[in-house]
Amino acid sequence: LDASLAGIAGASASLTSDGDVLRRHGIARGRYVLSAGGGRAKKRLDALQRGAIELGRRGGANLVLVVTGPVEDRVGSAGGAVFVGDVTDEELAALYRNAAAVALLARSEGFGLPALEACAAGTPVLVTQGSAQAEVAGNAGIPVDPDEPASVADGLARALADSTNDRRIRIEHAAQFTWDRSAELVEQVWLELGA
């Protein structure tokens, strides 16, 4: 976890390389919402689209939806989205760092590493209320109800009103998730089970 989150955070990131990634995909810094792996129906790109439309209807920013990874047929026809396909780790890190927000709207996920990756980048992250992503993101996440476009729009508006302090809180939150801490917690569970 430590090394991958540090890479996302951009400790050695070059603004030039980030700019190259954005230009290659035709997107602008802070003008898009990233849906990592969002080409699968379970990732709820439809909910993100409805929320973005609602935000625009309210007079808010018109955000481009950027989707990484393979795309299922029923998702691939989604209008208003830029499908960038599979990207390298460096490209993904650049996409995280430069997004207005990252949206993780699936109802069921595993651990929720993308939430930590977004936090490590300092980028606001929308998470489904009561999900694994919300648990991992903790107070650093923006919980939304993906079934309610108004809730997603509110989350996007909150992300766009982000502050430097919010960014610091997210980065500090992600920094707590180290391999050493994970090993200590697993050891603690085993000791409690053996007692």
N, C-alpha and C. Protein backbone atom coordinates (compact mmCIF):
# COMPACT_ATOMS: atom_id res chain seq x y z
N LEU A 1 0.82 -1.20 0.00
CA LEU A 1 0.00 0.00 0.00
C LEU A 1 0.86 1.26 0.00
N ASP A 2 1.89 1.28 0.84
CA ASP A 2 2.68 2.49 1.01
C ASP A 2 3.20 3.04 -0.32
N ALA A 3 3.86 2.18 -1.10
CA ALA A 3 4.47 2.63 -2.35
C ALA A 3 3.43 3.02 -3.37
N SER A 4 2.35 2.24 -3.48
CA SER A 4 1.35 2.57 -4.49
C SER A 4 0.65 3.88 -4.16
N LEU A 5 0.36 4.12 -2.88
CA LEU A 5 -0.29 5.38 -2.52
C LEU A 5 0.65 6.55 -2.68
N ALA A 6 1.94 6.35 -2.41
CA ALA A 6 2.91 7.43 -2.61
C ALA A 6 2.99 7.79 -4.09
N GLY A 7 2.93 6.79 -4.96
CA GLY A 7 2.96 7.06 -6.40
C GLY A 7 1.75 7.85 -6.85
N ILE A 8 0.59 7.51 -6.30
CA ILE A 8 -0.64 8.24 -6.64
C ILE A 8 -0.54 9.67 -6.14
N ALA A 9 0.00 9.84 -4.94
CA ALA A 9 0.10 11.17 -4.34
C ALA A 9 0.98 12.08 -5.17
N GLY A 10 1.89 11.49 -5.93
CA GLY A 10 2.69 12.30 -6.85
C GLY A 10 3.93 12.88 -6.24
N ALA A 11 4.51 12.18 -5.27
CA ALA A 11 5.73 12.68 -4.66
C ALA A 11 6.78 12.98 -5.72
N SER A 12 6.81 12.19 -6.78
CA SER A 12 7.79 12.44 -7.84
C SER A 12 7.11 12.81 -9.16
N ALA A 13 5.86 13.23 -9.07
CA ALA A 13 5.10 13.51 -10.28
C ALA A 13 5.60 14.77 -10.97
N SER A 14 5.60 14.74 -12.26
CA SER A 14 6.00 15.89 -13.06
C SER A 14 4.74 16.52 -13.64
N LEU A 15 4.61 17.83 -13.48
CA LEU A 15 3.44 18.51 -14.03
C LEU A 15 3.39 18.36 -15.54
N THR A 16 4.57 18.31 -16.17
CA THR A 16 4.61 18.13 -17.61
C THR A 16 4.00 16.80 -18.00
N SER A 17 4.37 15.73 -17.28
CA SER A 17 3.82 14.42 -17.65
C SER A 17 2.31 14.38 -17.38
N ASP A 18 1.85 15.02 -16.31
CA ASP A 18 0.41 15.09 -16.06
C ASP A 18 -0.28 15.82 -17.20
N GLY A 19 0.32 16.94 -17.63
CA GLY A 19 -0.24 17.69 -18.75
C GLY A 19 -0.30 16.88 -20.02
N ASP A 20 0.73 16.06 -20.25
CA ASP A 20 0.75 15.20 -21.43
C ASP A 20 -0.39 14.20 -21.39
N VAL A 21 -0.64 13.62 -20.21
CA VAL A 21 -1.72 12.64 -20.06
C VAL A 21 -3.06 13.31 -20.34
N LEU A 22 -3.27 14.47 -19.77
CA LEU A 22 -4.54 15.17 -19.96
C LEU A 22 -4.75 15.55 -21.42
N ARG A 23 -3.71 16.07 -22.07
CA ARG A 23 -3.82 16.43 -23.49
C ARG A 23 -4.11 15.20 -24.34
N ARG A 24 -3.46 14.09 -24.04
CA ARG A 24 -3.67 12.87 -24.83
C ARG A 24 -5.13 12.44 -24.81
N HIS A 25 -5.79 12.68 -23.68
CA HIS A 25 -7.19 12.25 -23.55
C HIS A 25 -8.18 13.39 -23.78
N GLY A 26 -7.67 14.58 -24.09
CA GLY A 26 -8.54 15.70 -24.41
C GLY A 26 -9.33 16.22 -23.22
N ILE A 27 -8.72 16.20 -22.04
CA ILE A 27 -9.42 16.67 -20.83
C ILE A 27 -8.59 17.75 -20.14
N ALA A 28 -9.25 18.55 -19.32
CA ALA A 28 -8.58 19.65 -18.64
C ALA A 28 -8.57 19.44 -17.13
N ARG A 29 -7.51 19.87 -16.50
CA ARG A 29 -7.34 19.73 -15.05
C ARG A 29 -8.54 20.36 -14.32
N GLY A 30 -9.09 19.58 -13.37
CA GLY A 30 -10.18 20.08 -12.55
C GLY A 30 -11.53 20.20 -13.24
N ARG A 31 -11.63 19.70 -14.47
CA ARG A 31 -12.89 19.84 -15.23
C ARG A 31 -13.53 18.48 -15.50
N TYR A 32 -13.06 17.43 -14.81
CA TYR A 32 -13.62 16.11 -15.05
C TYR A 32 -13.76 15.33 -13.74
N VAL A 33 -14.63 14.33 -13.79
CA VAL A 33 -14.81 13.39 -12.67
C VAL A 33 -14.30 12.05 -13.16
N LEU A 34 -13.43 11.44 -12.38
CA LEU A 34 -12.84 10.15 -12.74
C LEU A 34 -13.67 9.01 -12.18
N SER A 35 -13.94 8.03 -13.03
CA SER A 35 -14.58 6.79 -12.61
C SER A 35 -13.63 5.66 -13.00
N ALA A 36 -12.75 5.31 -12.06
CA ALA A 36 -11.74 4.27 -12.32
C ALA A 36 -12.44 2.92 -12.43
N GLY A 37 -12.24 2.25 -13.54
CA GLY A 37 -12.90 0.97 -13.78
C GLY A 37 -14.39 1.11 -14.00
N GLY A 38 -14.83 2.32 -14.32
CA GLY A 38 -16.26 2.63 -14.42
C GLY A 38 -16.97 2.08 -15.63
N GLY A 39 -16.26 1.34 -16.49
CA GLY A 39 -16.89 0.79 -17.67
C GLY A 39 -17.72 -0.45 -17.41
N ARG A 40 -17.76 -0.87 -16.15
CA ARG A 40 -18.61 -2.00 -15.78
C ARG A 40 -19.89 -1.46 -15.17
N ALA A 41 -21.01 -2.10 -15.48
CA ALA A 41 -22.32 -1.61 -15.04
C ALA A 41 -22.39 -1.43 -13.52
N LYS A 42 -21.76 -2.31 -12.76
CA LYS A 42 -21.84 -2.22 -11.29
C LYS A 42 -21.21 -0.95 -10.74
N LYS A 43 -20.37 -0.28 -11.54
CA LYS A 43 -19.71 0.94 -11.07
C LYS A 43 -20.63 2.16 -11.11
N ARG A 44 -21.82 2.01 -11.70
CA ARG A 44 -22.87 3.02 -11.68
C ARG A 44 -22.53 4.33 -12.39
N LEU A 45 -21.95 4.21 -13.59
CA LEU A 45 -21.71 5.39 -14.41
C LEU A 45 -23.02 6.12 -14.69
N ASP A 46 -24.11 5.37 -14.81
CA ASP A 46 -25.42 5.98 -15.05
C ASP A 46 -25.79 6.93 -13.92
N ALA A 47 -25.50 6.54 -12.68
CA ALA A 47 -25.81 7.40 -11.53
C ALA A 47 -24.94 8.65 -11.54
N LEU A 48 -23.69 8.49 -11.93
CA LEU A 48 -22.79 9.65 -12.02
C LEU A 48 -23.27 10.60 -13.11
N GLN A 49 -23.70 10.05 -14.24
CA GLN A 49 -24.21 10.90 -15.33
C GLN A 49 -25.44 11.69 -14.89
N ARG A 50 -26.38 11.02 -14.22
CA ARG A 50 -27.59 11.72 -13.77
C ARG A 50 -27.23 12.82 -12.77
N GLY A 51 -26.28 12.55 -11.88
CA GLY A 51 -25.86 13.56 -10.91
C GLY A 51 -25.18 14.75 -11.59
N ALA A 52 -24.33 14.47 -12.59
CA ALA A 52 -23.65 15.55 -13.31
C ALA A 52 -24.65 16.39 -14.09
N ILE A 53 -25.65 15.74 -14.68
CA ILE A 53 -26.71 16.48 -15.40
C ILE A 53 -27.47 17.37 -14.42
N GLU A 54 -27.80 16.82 -13.26
CA GLU A 54 -28.52 17.62 -12.24
C GLU A 54 -27.68 18.81 -11.80
N LEU A 55 -26.38 18.61 -11.61
CA LEU A 55 -25.50 19.72 -11.22
C LEU A 55 -25.52 20.79 -12.30
N GLY A 56 -25.43 20.41 -13.56
CA GLY A 56 -25.49 21.37 -14.67
C GLY A 56 -26.82 22.09 -14.73
N ARG A 57 -27.90 21.36 -14.46
CA ARG A 57 -29.24 21.94 -14.45
C ARG A 57 -29.35 23.04 -13.39
N ARG A 58 -28.63 22.88 -12.31
CA ARG A 58 -28.63 23.86 -11.22
C ARG A 58 -27.74 25.06 -11.52
N GLY A 59 -27.03 25.01 -12.64
CA GLY A 59 -26.12 26.10 -12.98
C GLY A 59 -24.69 25.82 -12.55
N GLY A 60 -24.42 24.61 -12.07
CA GLY A 60 -23.07 24.23 -11.66
C GLY A 60 -22.20 23.91 -12.86
N ALA A 61 -20.99 23.53 -12.59
CA ALA A 61 -20.01 23.24 -13.63
C ALA A 61 -20.46 22.08 -14.51
N ASN A 62 -20.12 22.17 -15.78
CA ASN A 62 -20.32 21.04 -16.70
C ASN A 62 -19.05 20.21 -16.66
N LEU A 63 -19.16 19.05 -16.07
CA LEU A 63 -18.01 18.18 -15.88
C LEU A 63 -18.01 17.05 -16.89
N VAL A 64 -16.84 16.72 -17.38
CA VAL A 64 -16.66 15.57 -18.26
C VAL A 64 -16.48 14.35 -17.36
N LEU A 65 -17.05 13.22 -17.75
CA LEU A 65 -16.87 11.98 -17.02
C LEU A 65 -15.79 11.18 -17.72
N VAL A 66 -14.73 10.85 -17.01
CA VAL A 66 -13.61 10.10 -17.57
C VAL A 66 -13.62 8.70 -16.97
N VAL A 67 -13.64 7.70 -17.83
CA VAL A 67 -13.79 6.31 -17.41
C VAL A 67 -12.57 5.51 -17.84
N THR A 68 -11.94 4.83 -16.89
CA THR A 68 -10.81 3.96 -17.22
C THR A 68 -11.26 2.50 -17.26
N GLY A 69 -10.43 1.67 -17.88
CA GLY A 69 -10.67 0.23 -17.89
C GLY A 69 -11.54 -0.23 -19.02
N PRO A 70 -11.77 -1.55 -19.07
CA PRO A 70 -12.61 -2.11 -20.13
C PRO A 70 -14.05 -1.65 -19.98
N VAL A 71 -14.78 -1.68 -21.08
CA VAL A 71 -16.15 -1.16 -21.09
C VAL A 71 -17.12 -2.25 -21.53
N GLU A 72 -18.14 -2.49 -20.70
CA GLU A 72 -19.20 -3.42 -21.08
C GLU A 72 -20.09 -2.75 -22.11
N ASP A 73 -20.67 -3.55 -23.00
CA ASP A 73 -21.49 -3.02 -24.10
C ASP A 73 -22.57 -2.05 -23.62
N ARG A 74 -23.29 -2.42 -22.58
CA ARG A 74 -24.41 -1.58 -22.15
C ARG A 74 -23.96 -0.27 -21.53
N VAL A 75 -22.67 -0.17 -21.16
CA VAL A 75 -22.14 1.07 -20.60
C VAL A 75 -21.50 1.92 -21.69
N GLY A 76 -20.93 1.27 -22.69
CA GLY A 76 -20.15 1.94 -23.72
C GLY A 76 -20.89 2.98 -24.53
N SER A 77 -22.20 2.95 -24.53
CA SER A 77 -22.96 3.92 -25.30
C SER A 77 -23.29 5.17 -24.48
N ALA A 78 -22.78 5.24 -23.26
CA ALA A 78 -23.08 6.38 -22.39
C ALA A 78 -22.56 7.68 -22.99
N GLY A 79 -23.46 8.63 -23.15
CA GLY A 79 -23.08 9.92 -23.69
C GLY A 79 -22.40 10.79 -22.63
N GLY A 80 -21.58 11.71 -23.07
CA GLY A 80 -20.93 12.64 -22.15
C GLY A 80 -19.76 12.05 -21.40
N ALA A 81 -19.31 10.86 -21.79
CA ALA A 81 -18.18 10.23 -21.10
C ALA A 81 -17.03 10.05 -22.07
N VAL A 82 -15.82 10.16 -21.53
CA VAL A 82 -14.60 9.90 -22.28
C VAL A 82 -14.06 8.57 -21.76
N PHE A 83 -14.04 7.57 -22.61
CA PHE A 83 -13.54 6.25 -22.24
C PHE A 83 -12.08 6.16 -22.66
N VAL A 84 -11.18 6.13 -21.66
CA VAL A 84 -9.75 6.14 -21.96
C VAL A 84 -9.15 4.74 -21.99
N GLY A 85 -9.94 3.71 -21.65
CA GLY A 85 -9.45 2.34 -21.69
C GLY A 85 -8.46 2.05 -20.57
N ASP A 86 -7.65 1.03 -20.80
CA ASP A 86 -6.63 0.67 -19.82
C ASP A 86 -5.52 1.71 -19.85
N VAL A 87 -5.06 2.11 -18.69
CA VAL A 87 -4.00 3.10 -18.58
C VAL A 87 -2.88 2.53 -17.70
N THR A 88 -1.70 3.09 -17.85
CA THR A 88 -0.58 2.68 -17.00
C THR A 88 -0.79 3.23 -15.59
N ASP A 89 -0.02 2.72 -14.65
CA ASP A 89 -0.10 3.22 -13.28
C ASP A 89 0.20 4.71 -13.22
N GLU A 90 1.16 5.15 -14.01
CA GLU A 90 1.53 6.57 -14.03
C GLU A 90 0.39 7.44 -14.59
N GLU A 91 -0.25 6.94 -15.65
CA GLU A 91 -1.38 7.68 -16.22
C GLU A 91 -2.54 7.74 -15.23
N LEU A 92 -2.80 6.61 -14.58
CA LEU A 92 -3.89 6.59 -13.59
C LEU A 92 -3.62 7.58 -12.47
N ALA A 93 -2.37 7.61 -12.00
CA ALA A 93 -2.00 8.56 -10.94
C ALA A 93 -2.24 9.99 -11.40
N ALA A 94 -1.88 10.30 -12.64
CA ALA A 94 -2.10 11.65 -13.17
C ALA A 94 -3.60 11.95 -13.24
N LEU A 95 -4.40 10.96 -13.65
CA LEU A 95 -5.84 11.17 -13.73
C LEU A 95 -6.43 11.41 -12.35
N TYR A 96 -5.97 10.67 -11.34
CA TYR A 96 -6.43 10.90 -9.96
C TYR A 96 -6.06 12.31 -9.49
N ARG A 97 -4.81 12.70 -9.71
CA ARG A 97 -4.32 13.98 -9.18
C ARG A 97 -5.02 15.18 -9.79
N ASN A 98 -5.47 15.08 -11.01
CA ASN A 98 -5.99 16.25 -11.73
C ASN A 98 -7.50 16.30 -11.85
N ALA A 99 -8.19 15.31 -11.30
CA ALA A 99 -9.65 15.27 -11.37
C ALA A 99 -10.27 16.27 -10.40
N ALA A 100 -11.44 16.77 -10.75
CA ALA A 100 -12.22 17.58 -9.81
C ALA A 100 -12.72 16.69 -8.68
N ALA A 101 -12.99 15.43 -9.03
CA ALA A 101 -13.45 14.45 -8.05
C ALA A 101 -13.28 13.06 -8.64
N VAL A 102 -13.29 12.08 -7.77
CA VAL A 102 -13.32 10.67 -8.15
C VAL A 102 -14.65 10.14 -7.64
N ALA A 103 -15.36 9.40 -8.47
CA ALA A 103 -16.67 8.86 -8.08
C ALA A 103 -16.61 7.34 -7.99
N LEU A 104 -16.96 6.82 -6.82
CA LEU A 104 -17.00 5.38 -6.56
C LEU A 104 -18.41 5.05 -6.09
N LEU A 105 -19.29 4.78 -7.04
CA LEU A 105 -20.72 4.68 -6.72
C LEU A 105 -21.27 3.25 -6.72
N ALA A 106 -20.39 2.25 -6.77
CA ALA A 106 -20.86 0.86 -6.72
C ALA A 106 -21.46 0.57 -5.35
N ARG A 107 -22.43 -0.32 -5.34
CA ARG A 107 -23.05 -0.73 -4.06
C ARG A 107 -22.20 -1.76 -3.33
N SER A 108 -21.50 -2.61 -4.10
CA SER A 108 -20.68 -3.64 -3.46
C SER A 108 -19.29 -3.64 -4.06
N GLU A 109 -18.32 -3.58 -3.22
CA GLU A 109 -16.91 -3.60 -3.62
C GLU A 109 -16.14 -4.37 -2.56
N GLY A 110 -14.90 -4.62 -2.85
CA GLY A 110 -14.02 -5.26 -1.87
C GLY A 110 -13.51 -4.21 -0.90
N PHE A 111 -12.22 -4.12 -0.76
CA PHE A 111 -11.60 -3.24 0.22
C PHE A 111 -11.84 -1.76 -0.05
N GLY A 112 -11.82 -1.33 -1.28
CA GLY A 112 -12.02 0.08 -1.57
C GLY A 112 -10.73 0.84 -1.81
N LEU A 113 -9.72 0.17 -2.41
CA LEU A 113 -8.44 0.82 -2.69
C LEU A 113 -8.59 2.10 -3.51
N PRO A 114 -9.48 2.18 -4.51
CA PRO A 114 -9.60 3.45 -5.25
C PRO A 114 -9.96 4.63 -4.35
N ALA A 115 -10.69 4.40 -3.28
CA ALA A 115 -11.00 5.50 -2.34
C ALA A 115 -9.71 6.01 -1.70
N LEU A 116 -8.84 5.09 -1.31
CA LEU A 116 -7.56 5.51 -0.72
C LEU A 116 -6.67 6.17 -1.75
N GLU A 117 -6.71 5.67 -2.98
CA GLU A 117 -5.89 6.28 -4.03
C GLU A 117 -6.34 7.71 -4.28
N ALA A 118 -7.63 7.95 -4.30
CA ALA A 118 -8.13 9.32 -4.48
C ALA A 118 -7.70 10.19 -3.30
N CYS A 119 -7.83 9.67 -2.09
CA CYS A 119 -7.43 10.43 -0.91
C CYS A 119 -5.93 10.73 -0.95
N ALA A 120 -5.12 9.75 -1.33
CA ALA A 120 -3.67 9.96 -1.40
C ALA A 120 -3.32 11.05 -2.41
N ALA A 121 -4.12 11.17 -3.46
CA ALA A 121 -3.91 12.21 -4.45
C ALA A 121 -4.42 13.56 -3.96
N GLY A 122 -5.16 13.55 -2.85
CA GLY A 122 -5.75 14.78 -2.33
C GLY A 122 -7.05 15.15 -3.02
N THR A 123 -7.55 14.26 -3.86
CA THR A 123 -8.73 14.54 -4.68
C THR A 123 -10.01 14.15 -3.95
N PRO A 124 -11.04 15.00 -3.98
CA PRO A 124 -12.31 14.65 -3.36
C PRO A 124 -12.85 13.34 -3.93
N VAL A 125 -13.43 12.51 -3.07
CA VAL A 125 -13.93 11.21 -3.52
C VAL A 125 -15.37 11.02 -3.07
N LEU A 126 -16.26 10.82 -4.06
CA LEU A 126 -17.67 10.51 -3.77
C LEU A 126 -17.78 9.01 -3.58
N VAL A 127 -18.40 8.61 -2.49
CA VAL A 127 -18.55 7.19 -2.16
C VAL A 127 -20.01 6.90 -1.84
N THR A 128 -20.43 5.68 -2.13
CA THR A 128 -21.80 5.27 -1.83
C THR A 128 -21.98 5.13 -0.33
N GLN A 129 -23.01 5.74 0.19
CA GLN A 129 -23.31 5.65 1.62
C GLN A 129 -23.37 4.20 2.05
N GLY A 130 -22.73 3.88 3.19
CA GLY A 130 -22.80 2.54 3.75
C GLY A 130 -22.00 1.48 3.02
N SER A 131 -21.15 1.88 2.09
CA SER A 131 -20.36 0.92 1.31
C SER A 131 -18.97 0.72 1.90
N ALA A 132 -18.25 -0.28 1.37
CA ALA A 132 -16.86 -0.49 1.76
C ALA A 132 -16.02 0.74 1.44
N GLN A 133 -16.31 1.38 0.30
CA GLN A 133 -15.57 2.59 -0.07
C GLN A 133 -15.77 3.70 0.96
N ALA A 134 -17.01 3.84 1.44
CA ALA A 134 -17.31 4.87 2.44
C ALA A 134 -16.58 4.57 3.74
N GLU A 135 -16.52 3.29 4.11
CA GLU A 135 -15.82 2.90 5.33
C GLU A 135 -14.33 3.21 5.22
N VAL A 136 -13.74 2.88 4.09
CA VAL A 136 -12.31 3.12 3.89
C VAL A 136 -12.02 4.62 3.82
N ALA A 137 -12.85 5.38 3.13
CA ALA A 137 -12.63 6.82 2.99
C ALA A 137 -12.87 7.56 4.30
N GLY A 138 -13.73 7.01 5.16
CA GLY A 138 -14.00 7.65 6.44
C GLY A 138 -14.48 9.09 6.26
N ASN A 139 -14.03 9.97 7.14
CA ASN A 139 -14.43 11.38 7.07
C ASN A 139 -13.83 12.12 5.89
N ALA A 140 -12.89 11.47 5.19
CA ALA A 140 -12.26 12.10 4.03
C ALA A 140 -13.13 11.95 2.77
N GLY A 141 -14.13 11.07 2.82
CA GLY A 141 -15.00 10.85 1.66
C GLY A 141 -16.25 11.70 1.70
N ILE A 142 -16.92 11.77 0.56
CA ILE A 142 -18.18 12.49 0.44
C ILE A 142 -19.25 11.44 0.15
N PRO A 143 -20.03 11.04 1.18
CA PRO A 143 -21.03 9.99 0.96
C PRO A 143 -22.24 10.52 0.19
N VAL A 144 -22.68 9.72 -0.79
CA VAL A 144 -23.84 10.08 -1.60
C VAL A 144 -24.72 8.85 -1.79
N ASP A 145 -25.96 9.09 -2.18
CA ASP A 145 -26.88 8.01 -2.54
C ASP A 145 -26.94 7.96 -4.06
N PRO A 146 -26.33 6.95 -4.69
CA PRO A 146 -26.30 6.91 -6.15
C PRO A 146 -27.66 6.76 -6.81
N ASP A 147 -28.67 6.40 -6.03
CA ASP A 147 -30.02 6.29 -6.60
C ASP A 147 -30.74 7.64 -6.64
N GLU A 148 -30.13 8.66 -6.08
CA GLU A 148 -30.72 10.00 -6.04
C GLU A 148 -29.82 11.00 -6.76
N PRO A 149 -30.17 11.40 -7.99
CA PRO A 149 -29.34 12.37 -8.71
C PRO A 149 -29.03 13.63 -7.91
N ALA A 150 -29.98 14.08 -7.09
CA ALA A 150 -29.74 15.28 -6.28
C ALA A 150 -28.62 15.05 -5.29
N SER A 151 -28.54 13.86 -4.72
CA SER A 151 -27.49 13.53 -3.76
C SER A 151 -26.13 13.52 -4.45
N VAL A 152 -26.06 12.92 -5.65
CA VAL A 152 -24.80 12.89 -6.39
C VAL A 152 -24.41 14.31 -6.80
N ALA A 153 -25.38 15.11 -7.23
CA ALA A 153 -25.11 16.50 -7.60
C ALA A 153 -24.60 17.29 -6.40
N ASP A 154 -25.21 17.07 -5.23
CA ASP A 154 -24.74 17.73 -4.01
C ASP A 154 -23.29 17.34 -3.71
N GLY A 155 -22.97 16.05 -3.88
CA GLY A 155 -21.61 15.58 -3.65
C GLY A 155 -20.62 16.21 -4.61
N LEU A 156 -21.01 16.32 -5.87
CA LEU A 156 -20.14 16.96 -6.85
C LEU A 156 -19.94 18.43 -6.52
N ALA A 157 -21.00 19.11 -6.12
CA ALA A 157 -20.88 20.52 -5.74
C ALA A 157 -19.95 20.67 -4.54
N ARG A 158 -20.07 19.78 -3.59
CA ARG A 158 -19.19 19.81 -2.41
C ARG A 158 -17.73 19.58 -2.83
N ALA A 159 -17.51 18.65 -3.75
CA ALA A 159 -16.16 18.38 -4.23
C ALA A 159 -15.57 19.62 -4.92
N LEU A 160 -16.39 20.31 -5.70
CA LEU A 160 -15.92 21.49 -6.42
C LEU A 160 -15.63 22.66 -5.47
N ALA A 161 -16.23 22.66 -4.29
CA ALA A 161 -15.99 23.71 -3.31
C ALA A 161 -14.86 23.33 -2.35
N ASP A 162 -14.06 22.38 -2.75
CA ASP A 162 -12.98 21.82 -1.93
C ASP A 162 -12.00 22.89 -1.46
N SER A 163 -11.42 22.65 -0.29
CA SER A 163 -10.44 23.59 0.26
C SER A 163 -9.09 22.90 0.44
N THR A 164 -8.07 23.71 0.66
CA THR A 164 -6.73 23.19 0.91
C THR A 164 -6.72 22.32 2.16
N ASN A 165 -7.49 22.71 3.17
CA ASN A 165 -7.57 21.92 4.39
C ASN A 165 -8.20 20.55 4.13
N ASP A 166 -9.25 20.51 3.31
CA ASP A 166 -9.88 19.24 2.95
C ASP A 166 -8.86 18.32 2.26
N ARG A 167 -8.06 18.90 1.38
CA ARG A 167 -7.04 18.13 0.67
C ARG A 167 -6.04 17.52 1.66
N ARG A 168 -5.60 18.31 2.60
CA ARG A 168 -4.65 17.85 3.61
C ARG A 168 -5.25 16.72 4.43
N ILE A 169 -6.51 16.84 4.80
CA ILE A 169 -7.19 15.80 5.59
C ILE A 169 -7.22 14.49 4.81
N ARG A 170 -7.51 14.55 3.51
CA ARG A 170 -7.56 13.32 2.69
C ARG A 170 -6.19 12.67 2.62
N ILE A 171 -5.15 13.46 2.37
CA ILE A 171 -3.80 12.92 2.25
C ILE A 171 -3.37 12.28 3.58
N GLU A 172 -3.65 12.95 4.69
CA GLU A 172 -3.30 12.39 6.00
C GLU A 172 -4.08 11.11 6.27
N HIS A 173 -5.33 11.07 5.85
CA HIS A 173 -6.14 9.87 6.05
C HIS A 173 -5.53 8.69 5.29
N ALA A 174 -5.18 8.89 4.04
CA ALA A 174 -4.59 7.80 3.23
C ALA A 174 -3.26 7.34 3.81
N ALA A 175 -2.50 8.26 4.38
CA ALA A 175 -1.18 7.92 4.93
C ALA A 175 -1.27 6.94 6.10
N GLN A 176 -2.44 6.83 6.73
CA GLN A 176 -2.61 5.90 7.84
C GLN A 176 -2.61 4.45 7.39
N PHE A 177 -2.88 4.21 6.11
CA PHE A 177 -3.01 2.85 5.59
C PHE A 177 -1.67 2.37 5.05
N THR A 178 -0.89 1.77 5.93
CA THR A 178 0.42 1.24 5.55
C THR A 178 0.40 -0.28 5.69
N TRP A 179 1.36 -0.92 5.03
CA TRP A 179 1.46 -2.38 5.15
C TRP A 179 1.81 -2.76 6.58
N ASP A 180 2.66 -1.97 7.24
CA ASP A 180 3.01 -2.27 8.63
C ASP A 180 1.77 -2.23 9.53
N ARG A 181 0.95 -1.20 9.37
CA ARG A 181 -0.27 -1.10 10.18
C ARG A 181 -1.22 -2.25 9.88
N SER A 182 -1.34 -2.61 8.60
CA SER A 182 -2.20 -3.74 8.22
C SER A 182 -1.73 -5.02 8.89
N ALA A 183 -0.42 -5.26 8.86
CA ALA A 183 0.14 -6.46 9.49
C ALA A 183 -0.11 -6.46 11.00
N GLU A 184 0.05 -5.31 11.63
CA GLU A 184 -0.21 -5.21 13.08
C GLU A 184 -1.66 -5.53 13.41
N LEU A 185 -2.59 -5.02 12.59
CA LEU A 185 -4.02 -5.28 12.84
C LEU A 185 -4.37 -6.75 12.64
N VAL A 186 -3.79 -7.37 11.61
CA VAL A 186 -4.03 -8.79 11.38
C VAL A 186 -3.47 -9.60 12.55
N GLU A 187 -2.27 -9.24 12.99
CA GLU A 187 -1.66 -9.94 14.12
C GLU A 187 -2.53 -9.80 15.37
N GLN A 188 -3.07 -8.62 15.58
CA GLN A 188 -3.93 -8.37 16.73
C GLN A 188 -5.17 -9.27 16.68
N VAL A 189 -5.78 -9.41 15.52
CA VAL A 189 -6.95 -10.28 15.38
C VAL A 189 -6.59 -11.72 15.70
N TRP A 190 -5.45 -12.18 15.17
CA TRP A 190 -5.03 -13.56 15.43
C TRP A 190 -4.76 -13.78 16.91
N LEU A 191 -4.16 -12.81 17.57
CA LEU A 191 -3.91 -12.94 19.01
C LEU A 191 -5.20 -12.99 19.79
N GLU A 192 -6.18 -12.17 19.38
CA GLU A 192 -7.49 -12.18 20.07
C GLU A 192 -8.21 -13.51 19.84
N LEU A 193 -8.11 -14.07 18.64
CA LEU A 193 -8.76 -15.35 18.35
C LEU A 193 -8.11 -16.50 19.10
N GLY A 194 -6.79 -16.38 19.31
CA GLY A 194 -6.05 -17.44 20.00
C GLY A 194 -6.16 -17.36 21.51
N ALA A 195 -6.63 -16.25 22.03
CA ALA A 195 -6.68 -16.05 23.49
C ALA A 195 -7.83 -16.80 24.13
